[in-house]
Amino acid sequence: MSALFAVRVEDVAPEGADCVRLRLVARPGGEALPAFEPGAHVDVMTPSGLIRQYSLCGDADDPSAYVLCVKRDAVSRGGSDSLCTQVTPGMELQISAPRNAFSLPDARRYMLVGGGIGITPLLSMMRHLQANGADWGLYYYAREPDKAPFRDMLCAPPYRNHVRFSRSLKDGYPDFLATPSPDTAIMLCGPDGFMDAVFSHAVAAGWQAEQIHTEYFRPTESSHALSDRPFEVVLARSGRTVAVPAGQSIASALLAAGMDVDLSCEQGMCGACIVPLLAGEGDHRDVVLTEEEQGSHIALCCSRSRTPSLTLDL
């Protein structure tokens, strides 16, 4: 962790369905904020006392303020939750100087691909590329595009003609991937499974691995180990019960029990293994189902259970 310094919270505002946008500025009479390049991030000491990293999604050509977008994690250990609920305009936060492990390379064309909150480092890239007249496009995958963070900005000039929204990879991979181009750089950020699927698809289509620049978004607030307890699934059509041990997916347990399971990406990205959920509460880890759909469906390849058993329409 880098040394921290104090900044003032100038503004706090909701962003999309489940995020909060923070605008941070230098303290009155203090030194100006350090400049940053597109793709940079900072460490933030949250009100909970936990350190978290967030991408700078504002304008890198105007470092008078840092803009962060914080997604409130449903199983937060206190970091994101405290930023979303306890931070108010005028208070101070401790942050680090910007660091960048996701810089824009030299290229003729740039294609940005973001999944969920992985959109944040791509926003500063987009602003920079647009301001400098570059050839660029953005593919934004969000469970609920109508409620996605920064949708209003992305749907307005000058960005709207460069941006395409999709719910999930089930709706299709970015169409540009079908035509490899040696002078194009792909900037990819999102959940691990999403990135692995896009990366593999691109390489299979003929793109060179070195053309694909990545920054993995890992929800460090979550502690899946706490919810990776064993549970049972009840197959409603036969009444059969199958045990799902810790560390094994529902799909794997069903396959081991001799059941046929439709699988494709095995990362919760494509939706092939989604089945109706009749009873029990799922611990959803896919990026396909909406919050409404999560009450009645579950992805067998990655999701688990918050209750001792789940009843599936199988």
Protein backbone atom coordinates (compact mmCIF):
# COMPACT_ATOMS: atom_id res chain seq x y z
CA MET A 1 0.00 0.00 0.00
CA SER A 2 1.25 3.49 -0.87
CA ALA A 3 1.46 6.38 1.59
CA LEU A 4 -1.90 8.07 2.10
CA PHE A 5 -2.87 11.74 2.10
CA ALA A 6 -6.08 13.59 2.90
CA VAL A 7 -8.62 14.76 0.31
CA ARG A 8 -12.02 16.40 0.70
CA VAL A 9 -15.25 14.84 -0.51
CA GLU A 10 -16.85 17.48 -2.72
CA ASP A 11 -19.88 15.49 -3.88
CA VAL A 12 -21.67 12.20 -3.25
CA ALA A 13 -24.33 11.00 -5.68
CA PRO A 14 -26.06 7.77 -6.68
CA GLU A 15 -24.80 6.27 -9.94
CA GLY A 16 -26.94 3.64 -11.60
CA ALA A 17 -28.90 1.13 -9.55
CA ASP A 18 -26.42 0.13 -6.86
CA CYS A 19 -23.38 2.41 -6.98
CA VAL A 20 -22.31 5.71 -5.46
CA ARG A 21 -20.18 8.29 -7.28
CA LEU A 22 -17.66 10.23 -5.19
CA ARG A 23 -15.91 13.41 -6.30
CA LEU A 24 -12.73 14.07 -4.36
CA VAL A 25 -10.75 17.33 -4.39
CA ALA A 26 -7.69 18.74 -2.66
CA ARG A 27 -8.15 20.16 0.80
CA PRO A 28 -8.45 23.98 0.95
CA GLY A 29 -4.97 25.42 0.96
CA GLY A 30 -3.44 22.04 0.32
CA GLU A 31 -1.36 20.79 -2.59
CA ALA A 32 -2.99 20.02 -5.90
CA LEU A 33 -3.96 16.42 -6.58
CA PRO A 34 -1.28 14.44 -8.42
CA ALA A 35 -1.87 14.03 -12.14
CA PHE A 36 -2.95 10.62 -13.39
CA GLU A 37 -3.17 8.71 -16.66
CA PRO A 38 -6.24 6.87 -17.97
CA GLY A 39 -6.61 3.48 -16.29
CA ALA A 40 -5.08 4.54 -12.95
CA HIS A 41 -6.44 3.63 -9.54
CA VAL A 42 -5.98 4.77 -5.93
CA ASP A 43 -6.06 3.11 -2.53
CA VAL A 44 -8.83 4.44 -0.28
CA MET A 45 -9.01 4.17 3.49
CA THR A 46 -12.74 3.53 3.92
CA PRO A 47 -14.66 4.75 6.99
CA SER A 48 -14.66 1.11 8.15
CA GLY A 49 -10.86 1.22 8.38
CA LEU A 50 -10.39 -1.21 5.48
CA ILE A 51 -8.22 -0.27 2.49
CA ARG A 52 -9.84 -0.69 -0.92
CA GLN A 53 -8.69 0.10 -4.46
CA TYR A 54 -10.85 2.06 -6.90
CA SER A 55 -10.25 3.15 -10.47
CA LEU A 56 -10.27 6.85 -11.34
CA CYS A 57 -13.11 7.24 -13.81
CA GLY A 58 -12.99 11.00 -14.33
CA ASP A 59 -11.10 13.11 -16.85
CA ALA A 60 -7.34 12.45 -16.73
CA ASP A 61 -6.80 15.72 -18.61
CA ASP A 62 -8.38 17.60 -15.68
CA PRO A 63 -6.80 16.34 -12.44
CA SER A 64 -8.48 19.01 -10.30
CA ALA A 65 -10.75 16.23 -9.00
CA TYR A 66 -10.77 12.46 -8.72
CA VAL A 67 -14.03 10.64 -9.50
CA LEU A 68 -14.64 7.18 -8.04
CA CYS A 69 -17.60 4.87 -8.53
CA VAL A 70 -18.22 2.48 -5.65
CA LYS A 71 -20.45 -0.57 -6.02
CA ARG A 72 -22.03 -1.62 -2.77
CA ASP A 73 -21.27 -5.29 -2.29
CA ALA A 74 -24.19 -7.34 -0.96
CA VAL A 75 -21.76 -9.29 1.26
CA SER A 76 -19.46 -6.39 2.07
CA ARG A 77 -17.09 -6.76 5.01
CA GLY A 78 -17.51 -3.05 5.59
CA GLY A 79 -15.38 -1.35 2.93
CA SER A 80 -17.76 -0.59 0.09
CA ASP A 81 -20.73 -0.42 2.45
CA SER A 82 -19.08 2.28 4.55
CA LEU A 83 -18.19 4.36 1.50
CA CYS A 84 -21.76 4.10 0.18
CA THR A 85 -23.52 4.84 3.46
CA GLN A 86 -21.21 6.93 5.64
CA VAL A 87 -19.43 9.33 3.30
CA THR A 88 -20.92 12.81 3.04
CA PRO A 89 -19.87 16.03 1.27
CA GLY A 90 -17.27 17.97 3.22
CA MET A 91 -15.70 15.06 5.07
CA GLU A 92 -12.13 13.95 4.45
CA LEU A 93 -10.81 10.63 3.20
CA GLN A 94 -7.29 9.27 3.10
CA ILE A 95 -6.14 8.05 -0.32
CA SER A 96 -2.90 7.12 -2.07
CA ALA A 97 -1.35 8.77 -5.11
CA PRO A 98 -2.60 7.23 -8.39
CA ARG A 99 -0.90 4.12 -9.74
CA ASN A 100 -1.38 2.65 -13.18
CA ALA A 101 -0.98 -0.96 -14.26
CA PHE A 102 -3.53 -0.59 -17.08
CA SER A 103 -2.12 2.08 -19.38
CA LEU A 104 -3.27 2.74 -22.93
CA PRO A 105 -0.71 1.40 -25.41
CA ASP A 106 0.08 2.98 -28.76
CA ALA A 107 -2.43 1.80 -31.36
CA ARG A 108 -4.43 3.03 -34.34
CA ARG A 109 -7.75 1.86 -32.88
CA TYR A 110 -8.93 1.07 -29.35
CA MET A 111 -11.78 -1.24 -28.40
CA LEU A 112 -12.84 -1.09 -24.76
CA VAL A 113 -14.75 -4.03 -23.26
CA GLY A 114 -16.15 -3.74 -19.74
CA GLY A 115 -18.21 -6.08 -17.57
CA GLY A 116 -20.18 -4.64 -14.66
CA ILE A 117 -18.20 -2.30 -12.41
CA GLY A 118 -15.17 -3.14 -14.57
CA ILE A 119 -16.38 -0.22 -16.69
CA THR A 120 -14.72 2.29 -14.34
CA PRO A 121 -11.11 2.35 -15.61
CA LEU A 122 -12.41 2.35 -19.18
CA LEU A 123 -14.29 5.61 -18.62
CA SER A 124 -11.14 7.67 -18.17
CA MET A 125 -9.70 5.99 -21.29
CA MET A 126 -12.84 6.79 -23.25
CA ARG A 127 -12.76 10.45 -22.24
CA HIS A 128 -9.09 10.73 -23.21
CA LEU A 129 -9.51 8.96 -26.54
CA GLN A 130 -12.52 11.07 -27.47
CA ALA A 131 -10.77 14.32 -26.54
CA ASN A 132 -7.79 13.36 -28.70
CA GLY A 133 -9.78 12.33 -31.76
CA ALA A 134 -8.84 8.64 -31.54
CA ASP A 135 -10.70 5.77 -33.19
CA TRP A 136 -12.43 3.93 -30.34
CA GLY A 137 -15.47 1.92 -29.30
CA LEU A 138 -16.91 0.68 -26.00
CA TYR A 139 -18.80 -2.56 -25.34
CA TYR A 140 -20.47 -2.40 -21.95
CA TYR A 141 -21.94 -5.57 -20.42
CA ALA A 142 -24.30 -4.95 -17.49
CA ARG A 143 -27.04 -7.12 -16.03
CA GLU A 144 -29.53 -4.28 -16.33
CA PRO A 145 -28.32 -1.87 -19.03
CA ASP A 146 -31.11 0.60 -18.28
CA LYS A 147 -29.77 0.96 -14.74
CA ALA A 148 -26.07 0.69 -15.53
CA PRO A 149 -23.68 3.22 -13.94
CA PHE A 150 -22.93 6.19 -16.24
CA ARG A 151 -25.60 5.15 -18.75
CA ASP A 152 -26.93 8.70 -19.13
CA MET A 153 -23.48 10.04 -19.97
CA LEU A 154 -22.70 7.20 -22.35
CA CYS A 155 -26.01 7.62 -24.19
CA ALA A 156 -25.41 11.33 -24.79
CA PRO A 157 -23.08 13.13 -27.25
CA PRO A 158 -20.21 12.81 -27.91
CA TYR A 159 -20.06 9.21 -26.70
CA ARG A 160 -23.33 7.57 -27.74
CA ASN A 161 -22.28 6.60 -31.26
CA HIS A 162 -19.25 4.76 -29.86
CA VAL A 163 -21.03 2.71 -27.17
CA ARG A 164 -22.95 -0.58 -27.28
CA PHE A 165 -24.77 -2.09 -24.30
CA SER A 166 -25.47 -5.78 -23.68
CA ARG A 167 -26.80 -7.74 -20.72
CA SER A 168 -24.34 -10.62 -20.92
CA LEU A 169 -22.13 -12.63 -23.22
CA LYS A 170 -25.20 -14.82 -23.76
CA ASP A 171 -26.37 -12.01 -26.06
CA GLY A 172 -23.14 -12.29 -28.04
CA TYR A 173 -19.48 -11.37 -27.86
CA PRO A 174 -18.35 -7.97 -29.22
CA ASP A 175 -18.79 -8.21 -32.97
CA PHE A 176 -15.40 -6.65 -33.72
CA LEU A 177 -13.73 -9.77 -32.33
CA ALA A 178 -14.76 -11.67 -35.47
CA THR A 179 -12.23 -9.67 -37.51
CA PRO A 180 -8.74 -9.59 -35.95
CA SER A 181 -6.87 -6.36 -36.62
CA PRO A 182 -3.12 -6.04 -35.92
CA ASP A 183 -3.30 -2.29 -35.26
CA THR A 184 -6.10 -2.49 -32.67
CA ALA A 185 -5.66 -2.62 -28.89
CA ILE A 186 -8.32 -4.29 -26.75
CA MET A 187 -8.73 -2.89 -23.21
CA LEU A 188 -10.61 -5.45 -21.11
CA CYS A 189 -11.84 -5.18 -17.53
CA GLY A 190 -14.46 -6.99 -15.46
CA PRO A 191 -15.08 -10.04 -13.29
CA ASP A 192 -12.64 -12.90 -13.74
CA GLY A 193 -15.03 -15.21 -15.56
CA PHE A 194 -16.12 -12.47 -17.94
CA MET A 195 -12.55 -11.56 -18.79
CA ASP A 196 -11.43 -15.14 -19.20
CA ALA A 197 -14.32 -15.81 -21.58
CA VAL A 198 -13.68 -12.71 -23.71
CA PHE A 199 -9.92 -13.31 -23.77
CA SER A 200 -10.33 -16.94 -24.83
CA HIS A 201 -12.87 -16.03 -27.49
CA ALA A 202 -10.60 -13.33 -28.90
CA VAL A 203 -7.55 -15.59 -29.08
CA ALA A 204 -9.61 -18.36 -30.69
CA ALA A 205 -10.78 -15.83 -33.29
CA GLY A 206 -7.17 -15.01 -34.22
CA TRP A 207 -6.27 -12.04 -32.01
CA GLN A 208 -2.77 -12.00 -30.52
CA ALA A 209 -2.66 -12.27 -26.74
CA GLU A 210 -0.41 -9.19 -26.52
CA GLN A 211 -3.14 -7.08 -28.15
CA ILE A 212 -5.46 -7.75 -25.21
CA HIS A 213 -4.67 -5.54 -22.24
CA THR A 214 -6.39 -6.48 -19.00
CA GLU A 215 -7.13 -5.35 -15.50
CA TYR A 216 -8.96 -7.91 -13.44
CA PHE A 217 -11.78 -6.61 -11.31
CA ARG A 218 -11.94 -8.85 -8.27
CA PRO A 219 -14.66 -8.17 -5.69
CA THR A 220 -12.26 -8.18 -2.76
CA GLU A 221 -15.08 -7.26 -0.38
CA SER A 222 -16.57 -10.72 -0.81
CA SER A 223 -15.43 -13.71 1.11
CA HIS A 224 -16.85 -16.63 -0.79
CA ALA A 225 -15.14 -18.99 1.63
CA LEU A 226 -17.66 -17.90 4.24
CA SER A 227 -20.55 -19.01 2.03
CA ASP A 228 -18.92 -22.07 0.45
CA ARG A 229 -20.61 -24.36 2.91
CA PRO A 230 -22.05 -27.72 1.84
CA PHE A 231 -25.75 -27.86 1.02
CA GLU A 232 -28.25 -30.05 -0.80
CA VAL A 233 -30.24 -29.69 -3.98
CA VAL A 234 -33.62 -31.35 -4.28
CA LEU A 235 -34.64 -32.37 -7.80
CA ALA A 236 -38.35 -31.60 -7.86
CA ARG A 237 -39.29 -33.89 -10.74
CA SER A 238 -37.88 -37.03 -9.15
CA GLY A 239 -37.67 -36.06 -5.49
CA ARG A 240 -34.01 -37.04 -5.49
CA THR A 241 -31.57 -35.18 -3.21
CA VAL A 242 -27.97 -34.51 -4.24
CA ALA A 243 -25.31 -33.28 -1.81
CA VAL A 244 -23.11 -30.38 -2.94
CA PRO A 245 -19.86 -30.34 -0.92
CA ALA A 246 -17.84 -27.22 -0.18
CA GLY A 247 -15.60 -26.39 -3.12
CA GLN A 248 -17.79 -28.16 -5.69
CA SER A 249 -20.32 -26.52 -7.99
CA ILE A 250 -23.94 -27.61 -8.27
CA ALA A 251 -23.25 -28.61 -11.86
CA SER A 252 -20.29 -30.79 -10.86
CA ALA A 253 -22.28 -32.46 -8.11
CA LEU A 254 -25.15 -33.21 -10.50
CA LEU A 255 -22.79 -34.57 -13.14
CA ALA A 256 -21.12 -36.81 -10.54
CA ALA A 257 -24.59 -38.06 -9.62
CA GLY A 258 -25.22 -39.06 -13.24
CA MET A 259 -27.38 -36.09 -14.25
CA ASP A 260 -27.14 -34.35 -17.60
CA VAL A 261 -26.30 -30.63 -17.23
CA ASP A 262 -26.08 -28.08 -20.03
CA LEU A 263 -22.72 -26.33 -19.68
CA SER A 264 -20.81 -23.91 -21.88
CA CYS A 265 -18.61 -21.19 -20.38
CA GLU A 266 -18.70 -22.60 -16.81
CA GLN A 267 -18.07 -19.05 -15.55
CA GLY A 268 -21.63 -17.77 -15.08
CA MET A 269 -21.35 -15.69 -18.25
CA CYS A 270 -23.41 -17.45 -20.93
CA GLY A 271 -26.59 -18.60 -19.20
CA ALA A 272 -26.53 -22.14 -20.64
CA CYS A 273 -26.85 -23.81 -17.22
CA ILE A 274 -29.56 -21.58 -15.74
CA VAL A 275 -32.52 -23.55 -14.37
CA PRO A 276 -35.70 -22.63 -12.47
CA LEU A 277 -35.26 -22.31 -8.70
CA LEU A 278 -38.41 -23.42 -6.86
CA ALA A 279 -37.35 -23.09 -3.21
CA GLY A 280 -34.39 -21.90 -1.18
CA GLU A 281 -32.21 -18.80 -1.52
CA GLY A 282 -29.43 -18.82 -4.08
CA ASP A 283 -25.99 -17.30 -3.56
CA HIS A 284 -25.79 -15.88 -7.09
CA ARG A 285 -22.36 -15.45 -8.70
CA ASP A 286 -23.30 -15.26 -12.37
CA VAL A 287 -23.51 -12.06 -14.43
CA VAL A 288 -26.54 -13.06 -16.46
CA LEU A 289 -29.56 -13.01 -14.15
CA THR A 290 -31.22 -9.77 -13.09
CA GLU A 291 -32.13 -9.26 -9.43
CA GLU A 292 -35.74 -10.12 -10.27
CA GLU A 293 -34.73 -13.31 -12.10
CA GLN A 294 -32.49 -14.40 -9.23
CA GLY A 295 -35.57 -15.11 -7.14
CA SER A 296 -36.72 -17.83 -9.51
CA HIS A 297 -33.60 -19.07 -11.36
CA ILE A 298 -30.01 -20.07 -10.63
CA ALA A 299 -26.82 -20.75 -12.63
CA LEU A 300 -25.59 -24.25 -11.82
CA CYS A 301 -21.96 -23.70 -12.82
CA CYS A 302 -20.99 -21.04 -10.30
CA SER A 303 -23.74 -20.13 -7.83
CA ARG A 304 -24.31 -21.75 -4.43
CA SER A 305 -26.90 -21.62 -1.66
CA ARG A 306 -27.56 -19.34 1.28
CA THR A 307 -29.98 -21.93 2.72
CA PRO A 308 -29.40 -25.59 3.67
CA SER A 309 -31.09 -26.73 0.47
CA LEU A 310 -32.31 -25.57 -2.92
CA THR A 311 -35.17 -27.11 -4.85
CA LEU A 312 -34.63 -27.10 -8.60
CA ASP A 313 -37.03 -27.78 -11.44
CA LEU A 314 -35.02 -30.76 -12.62
